Structure formats: C-alpha cells, structure tokens
C-alpha cells in the first residue's frame, strides 16, 4: 500500500471559472467602459439606472468569483490507496497531457473527467466501507483515541494529549503535527464529529486547540465542572456532561457514567464513557482514581466491559482490585510513554491485570493499537513506530 499522510488535491475549477469570466469581461465589462463616456450625454435618470444595473450585475459576478475561488481552494484529503491506483492515476494523467499536446482537446477533456471520477471514488471510499476502527494512538505519555464508525457515519476523538514544558506549561504542537494530524489525514478524515476531553490535564487535552484550529470539529464535550477559559475554543459548540447523560453521536450512543459529583480534582472528575463498538463493550476512564472507581461500581453494580481503557496510564492510583474484579475485561489498553519519568505503568497494576487473565496492549511496547471491526466482530492489531525519539 502507498501511505500518504496528506494529499491535497485541488480541483481545477479555475479553468471553468475562466471560461465564464473571460467572456464576461471581454464582451460586457470592457465594451461598457468604452461606451460609458457617450452614455453620460443621456438624461441623468437613464445614466443612473444604467450605472446601478451595471453595479448590481458586477457585484453579483464578483461575489460568485469569491465563492467559487473559496470552493476551489478547499483541499481534498485522501487516505491510503494501492500502488495500482497510483499507477492508474499517473497513466491517465500522462494520456491526458499527451492528448492536449496533440490538440485533441475533447479526448483530453474526457480523460480529465475519468481522473476526476477516480479522485471522487477515493474520497468516497470510507463512506462506502462497512468497516470501522478504534485506534489508541501512540503519542507517548498521554491519551488519544479515535473511533471511526462504519460508512464514515461519525468520527469521535476521546482525548488529544500533547507534550509540554514542565517549567512553564508551554504546550508543544509536536504530537499534533507528527502523529494526530498525519493519522487523521491518512484515514481521509477532515471532520471530527465529537471531541471528548475527559479532563483538563495537558497529556489529555494539549493538542485540542491545534485540532480545533485546523480541523472541522462539530462539538467538544467536557465534564460538568470543567473550567473553560473565556477565549478557549471561541465560537465552538461546547457541551458539558455528567454521570447518567447519554451522548448520541451520529446515531451511536455513549453512556456517561461519571463524574457523578464535583470531586474538586481534575482526575477524579474525568468523563467516564461506556459504549458498544464492533461487538465489544468499552469503558473509557480518563484518569479516574481508585476511590472514584469504587463509587462507580457502587452506582453501577452490574457494570462489565470487554475492553478497559486503564486509568491514569497504569498508575497504582487507579485500577483497584475491586474495580478490576467487577469490570473483568478481556482486553486492557494502556497509553503510556516509553521510559517515562513517572514509572508508568506500575508493576503492581500490570501484575493485577495479568492475574485477571486480561490481554494487555500498551503503547510503549506495542505502538499504536487498533481494533478493526465489521458488524459485531473484529481484530486487534499493533503498529510499532519507525522511529521513537523518547
């Protein structure tokens, strides 16, 4: 497969635009300018009418040009495609250019239509596919999960962490530029339907401003006690959620299990999500601690999950024995940086999960982890990075 992080394909609408605009200026605007002077000899009401009529038409045409130019500058983002598609594209492009060179404009135009149709099919491919994905991106010491529903019905992100300076808290866009954005473009994603930020810590939300600035984000979900700065994500649809809420995102339900009350602590106020994807039940816990876990299973005594997003990167402050016994997951996902300064994940927690006979996937050892599914069945796979600077 040929993997393109981003392929900006701008339609050559300007050629069509020139076909319309050049005759307009040649046959209307310029001749009108030449006859404008003698027209001033006519009675003033007639001159005023002609002037207003011209300005009305001209303003309409200018607005049309600006609108058309904006459409033409909209990039197409195409995901991976095979080497055979790449060869077909360049062969068709070469034939088109040869036809134009040989003054066979009609034939060249037909080939151009075929190329455009090919590009349309590549863009439409995710919307025709019954397959979906859940991806735990390998962003180091932080969380970033991307859920792609079948037929591209919706794209949901849960957290978008970043690296940052411990001295002054300055957030780096490195994670967004090197990992999150390339992955989104790799999958042909230009719109995020829901960006769910579990809590305020930068290793969970640091890349969110970069995503909001460059991507089309429909809604941002935060917990009910999240303090939003006045200028943060200005003009964006921000929804605050709490325990017992149900988020219906493009027809897919996400049950919000927490926070049930304000714990006055970002980790304990983490948005806890329960959903079913690809025949498995999933529990996303943010950085919820052991005491909050106990309250959670007390309020939801029948709660079980096939896949557990292990809290707080595998710290021993989360994933208590009582909580793990009740949830009883088949798979545990741990997003954690290699050789991180916190010593995550805790050996105690890893052993506790293993004793539960749960399969563990962790980004520091397995890289990005992805669940490919179709209908109610799917498969987990891992992808180690080509280079890891940590």
Protein backbone atom coordinates (compact mmCIF):
# COMPACT_ATOMS: atom_id res chain seq x y z
CA UNK A 1 0.00 0.00 0.00
CA UNK A 2 1.07 3.57 -0.67
CA UNK A 3 0.68 5.56 2.55
CA UNK A 4 0.14 9.30 2.05
CA UNK A 5 -0.12 11.38 5.24
CA UNK A 6 -1.87 14.08 3.33
CA UNK A 7 -2.69 14.55 -0.33
CA UNK A 8 -4.15 17.94 -1.18
CA UNK A 9 -5.98 17.64 -4.49
CA UNK A 10 -7.38 21.00 -5.59
CA UNK A 11 -9.90 20.76 -8.42
CA UNK A 12 -9.06 22.85 -11.43
CA UNK A 13 -12.28 24.86 -11.11
CA UNK A 14 -10.39 27.97 -12.14
CA UNK A 15 -10.29 26.67 -15.72
CA UNK A 16 -14.09 26.54 -15.70
CA UNK A 17 -14.15 29.90 -13.99
CA UNK A 18 -12.04 31.43 -16.76
CA UNK A 19 -14.43 30.07 -19.37
CA UNK A 20 -17.19 32.08 -17.68
CA UNK A 21 -15.32 35.17 -16.51
CA UNK A 22 -13.17 35.98 -19.57
CA UNK A 23 -16.20 36.34 -21.87
CA UNK A 24 -17.92 38.38 -19.19
CA UNK A 25 -15.09 40.93 -19.09
CA UNK A 26 -14.40 40.76 -22.82
CA UNK A 27 -17.97 41.04 -24.04
CA UNK A 28 -19.61 43.05 -21.28
CA UNK A 29 -17.35 44.95 -18.85
CA UNK A 30 -14.73 46.30 -21.29
CA UNK A 31 -17.24 47.34 -24.00
CA UNK A 32 -19.37 49.02 -21.35
CA UNK A 33 -16.34 51.01 -20.18
CA UNK A 34 -15.77 52.25 -23.74
CA UNK A 35 -19.32 53.41 -24.25
CA UNK A 36 -19.66 54.81 -20.75
CA UNK A 37 -18.48 58.30 -21.74
CA UNK A 38 -21.05 58.88 -24.54
CA UNK A 39 -23.74 57.41 -22.28
CA UNK A 40 -23.19 60.30 -19.89
CA UNK A 41 -24.87 62.54 -22.52
CA UNK A 42 -28.16 60.80 -21.88
CA UNK A 43 -30.62 62.17 -19.31
CA UNK A 44 -29.42 61.65 -15.73
CA UNK A 45 -32.18 59.19 -14.69
CA UNK A 46 -31.19 56.89 -17.58
CA UNK A 47 -27.47 57.15 -16.74
CA UNK A 48 -28.20 56.45 -13.07
CA UNK A 49 -30.31 53.42 -13.99
CA UNK A 50 -27.59 52.01 -16.28
CA UNK A 51 -24.93 52.61 -13.62
CA UNK A 52 -26.95 50.88 -10.90
CA UNK A 53 -27.78 47.99 -13.24
CA UNK A 54 -24.10 47.55 -14.09
CA UNK A 55 -23.01 47.68 -10.43
CA UNK A 56 -25.70 45.16 -9.45
CA UNK A 57 -24.53 42.69 -12.11
CA UNK A 58 -20.85 43.31 -11.42
CA UNK A 59 -21.18 42.87 -7.65
CA UNK A 60 -23.06 39.62 -8.22
CA UNK A 61 -20.30 38.34 -10.53
CA UNK A 62 -17.56 39.36 -8.05
CA UNK A 63 -19.32 37.55 -5.20
CA UNK A 64 -19.64 34.50 -7.44
CA UNK A 65 -15.89 34.63 -8.19
CA UNK A 66 -15.00 34.86 -4.48
CA UNK A 67 -17.35 31.99 -3.64
CA UNK A 68 -16.01 29.84 -6.48
CA UNK A 69 -12.42 30.60 -5.51
CA UNK A 70 -13.12 29.55 -1.93
CA UNK A 71 -14.57 26.23 -3.13
CA UNK A 72 -11.60 25.67 -5.44
CA UNK A 73 -9.17 26.19 -2.57
CA UNK A 74 -10.81 23.52 -0.41
CA UNK A 75 -8.33 20.61 -0.04
CA UNK A 76 -9.31 17.01 -0.55
CA UNK A 77 -7.82 14.63 2.00
CA UNK A 78 -7.41 11.10 0.72
CA UNK A 79 -6.26 8.16 2.80
CA UNK A 80 -4.20 5.16 1.72
CA UNK A 81 -4.64 3.62 -1.68
CA UNK A 82 -2.90 0.83 -3.58
CA UNK A 83 0.06 1.10 -5.93
CA UNK A 84 -2.24 0.05 -8.77
CA UNK A 85 -4.44 3.11 -8.18
CA UNK A 86 -1.34 5.30 -8.13
CA UNK A 87 -0.15 3.86 -11.46
CA UNK A 88 -3.62 4.24 -12.97
CA UNK A 89 -3.75 7.89 -11.93
CA UNK A 90 -0.39 8.76 -13.47
CA UNK A 91 -1.12 6.79 -16.65
CA UNK A 92 -4.41 8.65 -17.13
CA UNK A 93 -2.72 11.96 -16.35
CA UNK A 94 0.04 11.26 -18.90
CA UNK A 95 -2.50 10.31 -21.56
CA UNK A 96 -4.50 13.46 -20.87
CA UNK A 97 -1.43 15.68 -21.24
CA UNK A 98 -0.44 13.91 -24.47
CA UNK A 99 -3.93 14.43 -25.90
CA UNK A 100 -3.76 18.12 -25.02
CA UNK A 101 -0.29 18.38 -26.58
CA UNK A 102 -1.63 16.79 -29.77
CA UNK A 103 -4.51 19.32 -29.84
CA UNK A 104 -7.01 16.56 -29.10
CA UNK A 105 -8.80 18.71 -26.54
CA UNK A 106 -12.05 16.72 -26.49
CA UNK A 107 -10.23 13.45 -25.82
CA UNK A 108 -8.09 15.14 -23.18
CA UNK A 109 -11.20 16.54 -21.53
CA UNK A 110 -12.75 13.06 -21.38
CA UNK A 111 -9.62 11.66 -19.76
CA UNK A 112 -9.75 14.55 -17.29
CA UNK A 113 -13.29 13.54 -16.37
CA UNK A 114 -12.07 9.97 -15.73
CA UNK A 115 -9.31 11.28 -13.45
CA UNK A 116 -11.83 13.41 -11.55
CA UNK A 117 -14.15 10.41 -11.14
CA UNK A 118 -11.23 8.34 -9.85
CA UNK A 119 -10.45 11.02 -7.26
CA UNK A 120 -14.12 11.23 -6.26
CA UNK A 121 -14.16 7.45 -5.71
CA UNK A 122 -11.05 7.65 -3.49
CA UNK A 123 -12.64 10.41 -1.41
CA UNK A 124 -15.92 8.47 -1.19
CA UNK A 125 -14.25 5.14 -0.27
CA UNK A 126 -14.61 5.49 3.55
CA UNK A 127 -18.29 6.36 3.12
CA UNK A 128 -18.87 3.10 1.23
CA UNK A 129 -16.95 0.84 3.62
CA UNK A 130 -18.78 -1.22 6.29
CA UNK A 131 -15.57 -1.42 8.34
CA UNK A 132 -14.83 0.71 11.39
CA UNK A 133 -11.84 1.30 13.68
CA UNK A 134 -10.92 2.17 17.22
CA UNK A 135 -7.34 3.41 17.46
CA UNK A 136 -5.20 4.07 20.51
CA UNK A 137 -2.58 6.39 19.05
CA UNK A 138 0.98 6.13 20.32
CA UNK A 139 1.53 9.71 21.48
CA UNK A 140 3.86 8.86 24.35
CA UNK A 141 2.80 9.89 27.84
CA UNK A 142 -0.76 10.86 27.03
CA UNK A 143 -4.11 9.72 25.68
CA UNK A 144 -5.57 9.99 22.18
CA UNK A 145 -8.25 7.60 20.97
CA UNK A 146 -10.02 7.84 17.61
CA UNK A 147 -13.24 5.99 16.81
CA UNK A 148 -14.27 5.72 13.16
CA UNK A 149 -17.80 4.42 12.69
CA UNK A 150 -18.65 2.29 9.64
CA UNK A 151 -19.56 4.12 6.42
CA UNK A 152 -17.84 7.17 7.97
CA UNK A 153 -21.07 7.92 9.84
CA UNK A 154 -19.03 9.62 12.53
CA UNK A 155 -15.52 10.28 13.82
CA UNK A 156 -15.13 10.57 17.58
CA UNK A 157 -11.95 11.51 19.42
CA UNK A 158 -11.53 10.78 23.12
CA UNK A 159 -8.73 12.99 24.43
CA UNK A 160 -5.90 14.57 22.46
CA UNK A 161 -2.78 14.81 24.58
CA UNK A 162 0.43 16.73 23.95
CA UNK A 163 3.91 17.16 25.31
CA UNK A 164 4.56 20.28 27.35
CA UNK A 165 7.25 22.13 29.27
CA UNK A 166 7.29 21.34 32.99
CA UNK A 167 8.87 24.72 33.74
CA UNK A 168 6.19 27.00 32.28
CA UNK A 169 3.48 24.66 30.97
CA UNK A 170 4.04 25.64 27.33
CA UNK A 171 2.33 23.11 25.07
CA UNK A 172 4.18 21.76 22.04
CA UNK A 173 2.32 21.11 18.77
CA UNK A 174 4.78 18.29 18.04
CA UNK A 175 2.35 15.46 18.88
CA UNK A 176 -0.38 17.00 16.77
CA UNK A 177 1.87 17.66 13.77
CA UNK A 178 3.74 14.33 13.88
CA UNK A 179 1.07 11.87 14.98
CA UNK A 180 -2.53 13.05 15.31
CA UNK A 181 -2.85 15.12 12.13
CA UNK A 182 -0.98 12.62 9.91
CA UNK A 183 -3.20 9.80 11.16
CA UNK A 184 -6.39 11.75 10.53
CA UNK A 185 -5.26 12.64 7.02
CA UNK A 186 -4.06 9.09 6.45
CA UNK A 187 -7.62 7.94 7.06
CA UNK A 188 -9.08 10.70 4.88
CA UNK A 189 -10.60 12.46 7.90
CA UNK A 190 -11.30 16.18 7.60
CA UNK A 191 -14.10 16.42 10.15
CA UNK A 192 -14.29 15.32 13.78
CA UNK A 193 -17.90 14.96 14.87
CA UNK A 194 -17.12 14.84 18.59
CA UNK A 195 -14.01 15.72 20.56
CA UNK A 196 -14.49 14.35 24.07
CA UNK A 197 -11.98 15.69 26.59
CA UNK A 198 -12.08 13.62 29.77
CA UNK A 199 -10.38 16.24 31.97
CA UNK A 200 -8.08 19.26 32.00
CA UNK A 201 -4.60 17.66 32.14
CA UNK A 202 -2.41 18.61 29.18
CA UNK A 203 -1.50 14.98 28.46
CA UNK A 204 -5.19 14.59 27.61
CA UNK A 205 -6.16 17.96 26.09
CA UNK A 206 -2.91 19.63 25.00
CA UNK A 207 -3.42 19.01 21.27
CA UNK A 208 -7.10 20.01 21.33
CA UNK A 209 -6.52 23.70 20.39
CA UNK A 210 -4.47 22.67 17.34
CA UNK A 211 -7.18 20.23 16.23
CA UNK A 212 -9.90 22.84 16.68
CA UNK A 213 -7.88 25.43 14.77
CA UNK A 214 -7.16 23.27 11.71
CA UNK A 215 -9.93 20.68 11.64
CA UNK A 216 -13.69 20.90 11.33
CA UNK A 217 -14.81 19.95 14.85
CA UNK A 218 -18.58 19.73 15.29
CA UNK A 219 -18.80 19.53 19.11
CA UNK A 220 -16.50 19.46 22.10
CA UNK A 221 -17.61 17.53 25.19
CA UNK A 222 -16.15 18.20 28.67
CA UNK A 223 -17.21 17.29 32.19
CA UNK A 224 -19.70 19.50 34.00
CA UNK A 225 -17.05 21.06 36.25
CA UNK A 226 -14.50 21.84 33.55
CA UNK A 227 -13.42 25.49 33.81
CA UNK A 228 -13.30 26.88 30.29
CA UNK A 229 -11.25 29.99 29.69
CA UNK A 230 -13.14 32.84 28.05
CA UNK A 231 -11.18 32.75 24.78
CA UNK A 232 -10.62 29.00 24.72
CA UNK A 233 -12.20 27.36 21.65
CA UNK A 234 -14.09 30.55 20.87
CA UNK A 235 -17.28 30.12 18.85
CA UNK A 236 -17.14 26.32 19.23
CA UNK A 237 -20.06 24.22 20.42
CA UNK A 238 -19.00 23.09 23.88
CA UNK A 239 -21.25 20.67 25.75
CA UNK A 240 -20.80 19.88 29.44
CA UNK A 241 -21.75 16.37 30.54
CA UNK A 242 -22.10 14.45 33.78
CA UNK A 243 -22.96 10.97 35.01
CA UNK A 244 -26.22 9.44 33.64
CA UNK A 245 -26.09 11.50 30.43
CA UNK A 246 -26.27 9.71 27.08
CA UNK A 247 -24.44 11.19 24.11
CA UNK A 248 -25.97 10.30 20.78
CA UNK A 249 -23.17 10.95 18.31
CA UNK A 250 -24.24 10.30 14.75
CA UNK A 251 -26.67 7.66 15.96
CA UNK A 252 -24.13 5.92 18.19
CA UNK A 253 -24.81 6.07 21.96
CA UNK A 254 -22.12 6.81 24.53
CA UNK A 255 -23.25 6.43 28.13
CA UNK A 256 -21.64 8.91 30.51
CA UNK A 257 -21.09 7.15 33.84
CA UNK A 258 -19.14 9.91 35.54
CA UNK A 259 -18.46 12.28 37.09
CA UNK A 260 -21.48 11.95 39.37
CA UNK A 261 -20.42 14.90 41.53
CA UNK A 262 -17.69 17.52 41.72
CA UNK A 263 -14.65 15.91 43.33
CA UNK A 264 -12.66 19.16 43.06
CA UNK A 265 -9.89 17.21 41.35
CA UNK A 266 -9.33 17.01 37.57
CA UNK A 267 -8.51 13.30 37.59
CA UNK A 268 -11.48 12.31 39.73
CA UNK A 269 -13.76 14.48 37.58
CA UNK A 270 -12.79 12.55 34.46
CA UNK A 271 -15.55 11.84 31.96
CA UNK A 272 -16.18 8.08 32.11
CA UNK A 273 -17.71 6.61 28.95
CA UNK A 274 -19.33 3.25 28.27
CA UNK A 275 -20.27 2.15 24.76
CA UNK A 276 -20.54 -0.87 22.48
CA UNK A 277 -18.38 -0.99 19.36
CA UNK A 278 -17.83 -3.88 16.99
CA UNK A 279 -19.47 -6.45 19.23
CA UNK A 280 -17.42 -5.45 22.31
CA UNK A 281 -18.28 -3.24 25.27
CA UNK A 282 -15.76 -0.47 26.00
CA UNK A 283 -15.06 1.53 29.15
CA UNK A 284 -13.00 4.74 28.90
CA UNK A 285 -11.96 6.00 32.32
CA UNK A 286 -9.69 9.01 31.81
CA UNK A 287 -7.51 9.35 34.92
CA UNK A 288 -10.15 8.22 37.40
CA UNK A 289 -8.65 7.07 40.74
CA UNK A 290 -9.39 4.08 42.96
CA UNK A 291 -11.87 5.79 45.30
CA UNK A 292 -13.87 7.11 42.34
CA UNK A 293 -13.74 3.63 40.81
CA UNK A 294 -15.34 2.27 43.98
CA UNK A 295 -18.12 4.84 43.76
CA UNK A 296 -18.62 3.96 40.10
CA UNK A 297 -19.13 0.25 40.65
CA UNK A 298 -21.31 1.03 43.66
CA UNK A 299 -23.61 3.08 41.43
CA UNK A 300 -23.38 0.57 38.55
CA UNK A 301 -23.17 -2.84 40.31
CA UNK A 302 -23.69 -4.79 37.07
CA UNK A 303 -21.10 -2.91 35.07
CA UNK A 304 -18.89 -5.12 32.88
CA UNK A 305 -16.65 -4.25 29.93
CA UNK A 306 -14.80 -6.31 27.34
CA UNK A 307 -12.24 -3.55 26.78
CA UNK A 308 -10.93 -1.32 29.56
CA UNK A 309 -9.00 1.88 28.95
CA UNK A 310 -6.78 1.58 32.01
CA UNK A 311 -6.95 4.72 34.15
CA UNK A 312 -4.07 7.15 34.63
CA UNK A 313 -1.67 5.35 32.26
CA UNK A 314 -1.39 2.33 34.54
CA UNK A 315 -0.56 4.27 37.71
CA UNK A 316 -1.13 2.47 41.01
CA UNK A 317 -3.58 5.25 41.91
CA UNK A 318 -6.08 3.62 39.54
CA UNK A 319 -7.36 0.18 38.53
CA UNK A 320 -8.08 -1.09 42.02
CA UNK A 321 -8.55 -4.82 42.62
CA UNK A 322 -12.26 -4.47 43.46
CA UNK A 323 -12.90 -2.42 40.31
CA UNK A 324 -10.96 -4.82 38.08
CA UNK A 325 -12.74 -7.86 39.54
CA UNK A 326 -16.14 -6.42 38.72
CA UNK A 327 -15.34 -5.00 35.26
CA UNK A 328 -13.50 -8.22 34.34
CA UNK A 329 -12.16 -7.00 30.97
CA UNK A 330 -10.84 -9.26 28.23
CA UNK A 331 -8.53 -6.54 26.91
CA UNK A 332 -6.74 -3.70 28.72
CA UNK A 333 -5.42 -0.65 26.84
CA UNK A 334 -2.63 1.40 28.40
CA UNK A 335 -1.46 4.61 26.76
CA UNK A 336 1.95 5.37 28.21
CA UNK A 337 5.28 6.89 27.23
CA UNK A 338 8.38 4.74 26.91
CA UNK A 339 10.72 5.14 29.90
CA UNK A 340 8.53 7.94 31.26
CA UNK A 341 9.55 9.86 34.39
CA UNK A 342 6.52 8.65 36.39
CA UNK A 343 7.36 4.97 36.21
CA UNK A 344 4.04 4.18 34.50
CA UNK A 345 2.66 1.61 34.24
CA UNK A 346 3.04 0.30 37.76
CA UNK A 347 4.36 -3.27 38.04
CA UNK A 348 1.67 -3.87 40.64
CA UNK A 349 -1.09 -2.88 38.23
CA UNK A 350 0.37 -4.90 35.36
CA UNK A 351 0.50 -7.99 37.56
CA UNK A 352 -3.03 -7.35 38.79
CA UNK A 353 -4.31 -7.19 35.21
CA UNK A 354 -2.37 -10.31 34.22
CA UNK A 355 -3.78 -12.19 37.22
CA UNK A 356 -7.20 -11.35 35.81
CA UNK A 357 -6.14 -13.16 32.59
CA UNK A 358 -6.65 -9.96 30.64
CA UNK A 359 -4.72 -9.27 27.41
CA UNK A 360 -2.67 -6.10 27.74
CA UNK A 361 -1.85 -3.68 24.93
CA UNK A 362 0.43 -0.77 25.82
CA UNK A 363 1.77 1.92 23.52
CA UNK A 364 5.30 1.88 24.96
CA UNK A 365 5.69 -1.76 23.88
CA UNK A 366 3.20 -2.24 21.04
CA UNK A 367 3.00 1.21 19.47
CA UNK A 368 -0.40 2.24 18.12
CA UNK A 369 -3.15 -0.30 18.82
CA UNK A 370 -6.13 -0.62 16.51
CA UNK A 371 -9.35 -2.60 16.60
CA UNK A 372 -10.68 -3.24 13.09
CA UNK A 373 -14.29 -4.33 13.09
CA UNK A 374 -17.09 -5.19 10.72
CA UNK A 375 -20.51 -5.77 12.19
CA UNK A 376 -20.09 -7.48 15.58
CA UNK A 377 -16.67 -8.99 15.02
CA UNK A 378 -13.20 -7.53 14.83
CA UNK A 379 -9.48 -7.95 15.36
CA UNK A 380 -6.84 -6.10 17.37
CA UNK A 381 -3.56 -5.20 15.66
CA UNK A 382 -0.46 -3.24 16.65
CA UNK A 383 1.88 -0.93 14.74
CA UNK A 384 5.28 -0.04 16.14
CA UNK A 385 6.68 3.36 15.11
CA UNK A 386 9.51 3.54 12.57
CA UNK A 387 11.31 5.91 14.92
CA UNK A 388 10.76 6.80 18.54
CA UNK A 389 12.71 9.76 19.89
CA UNK A 390 11.74 9.10 23.52
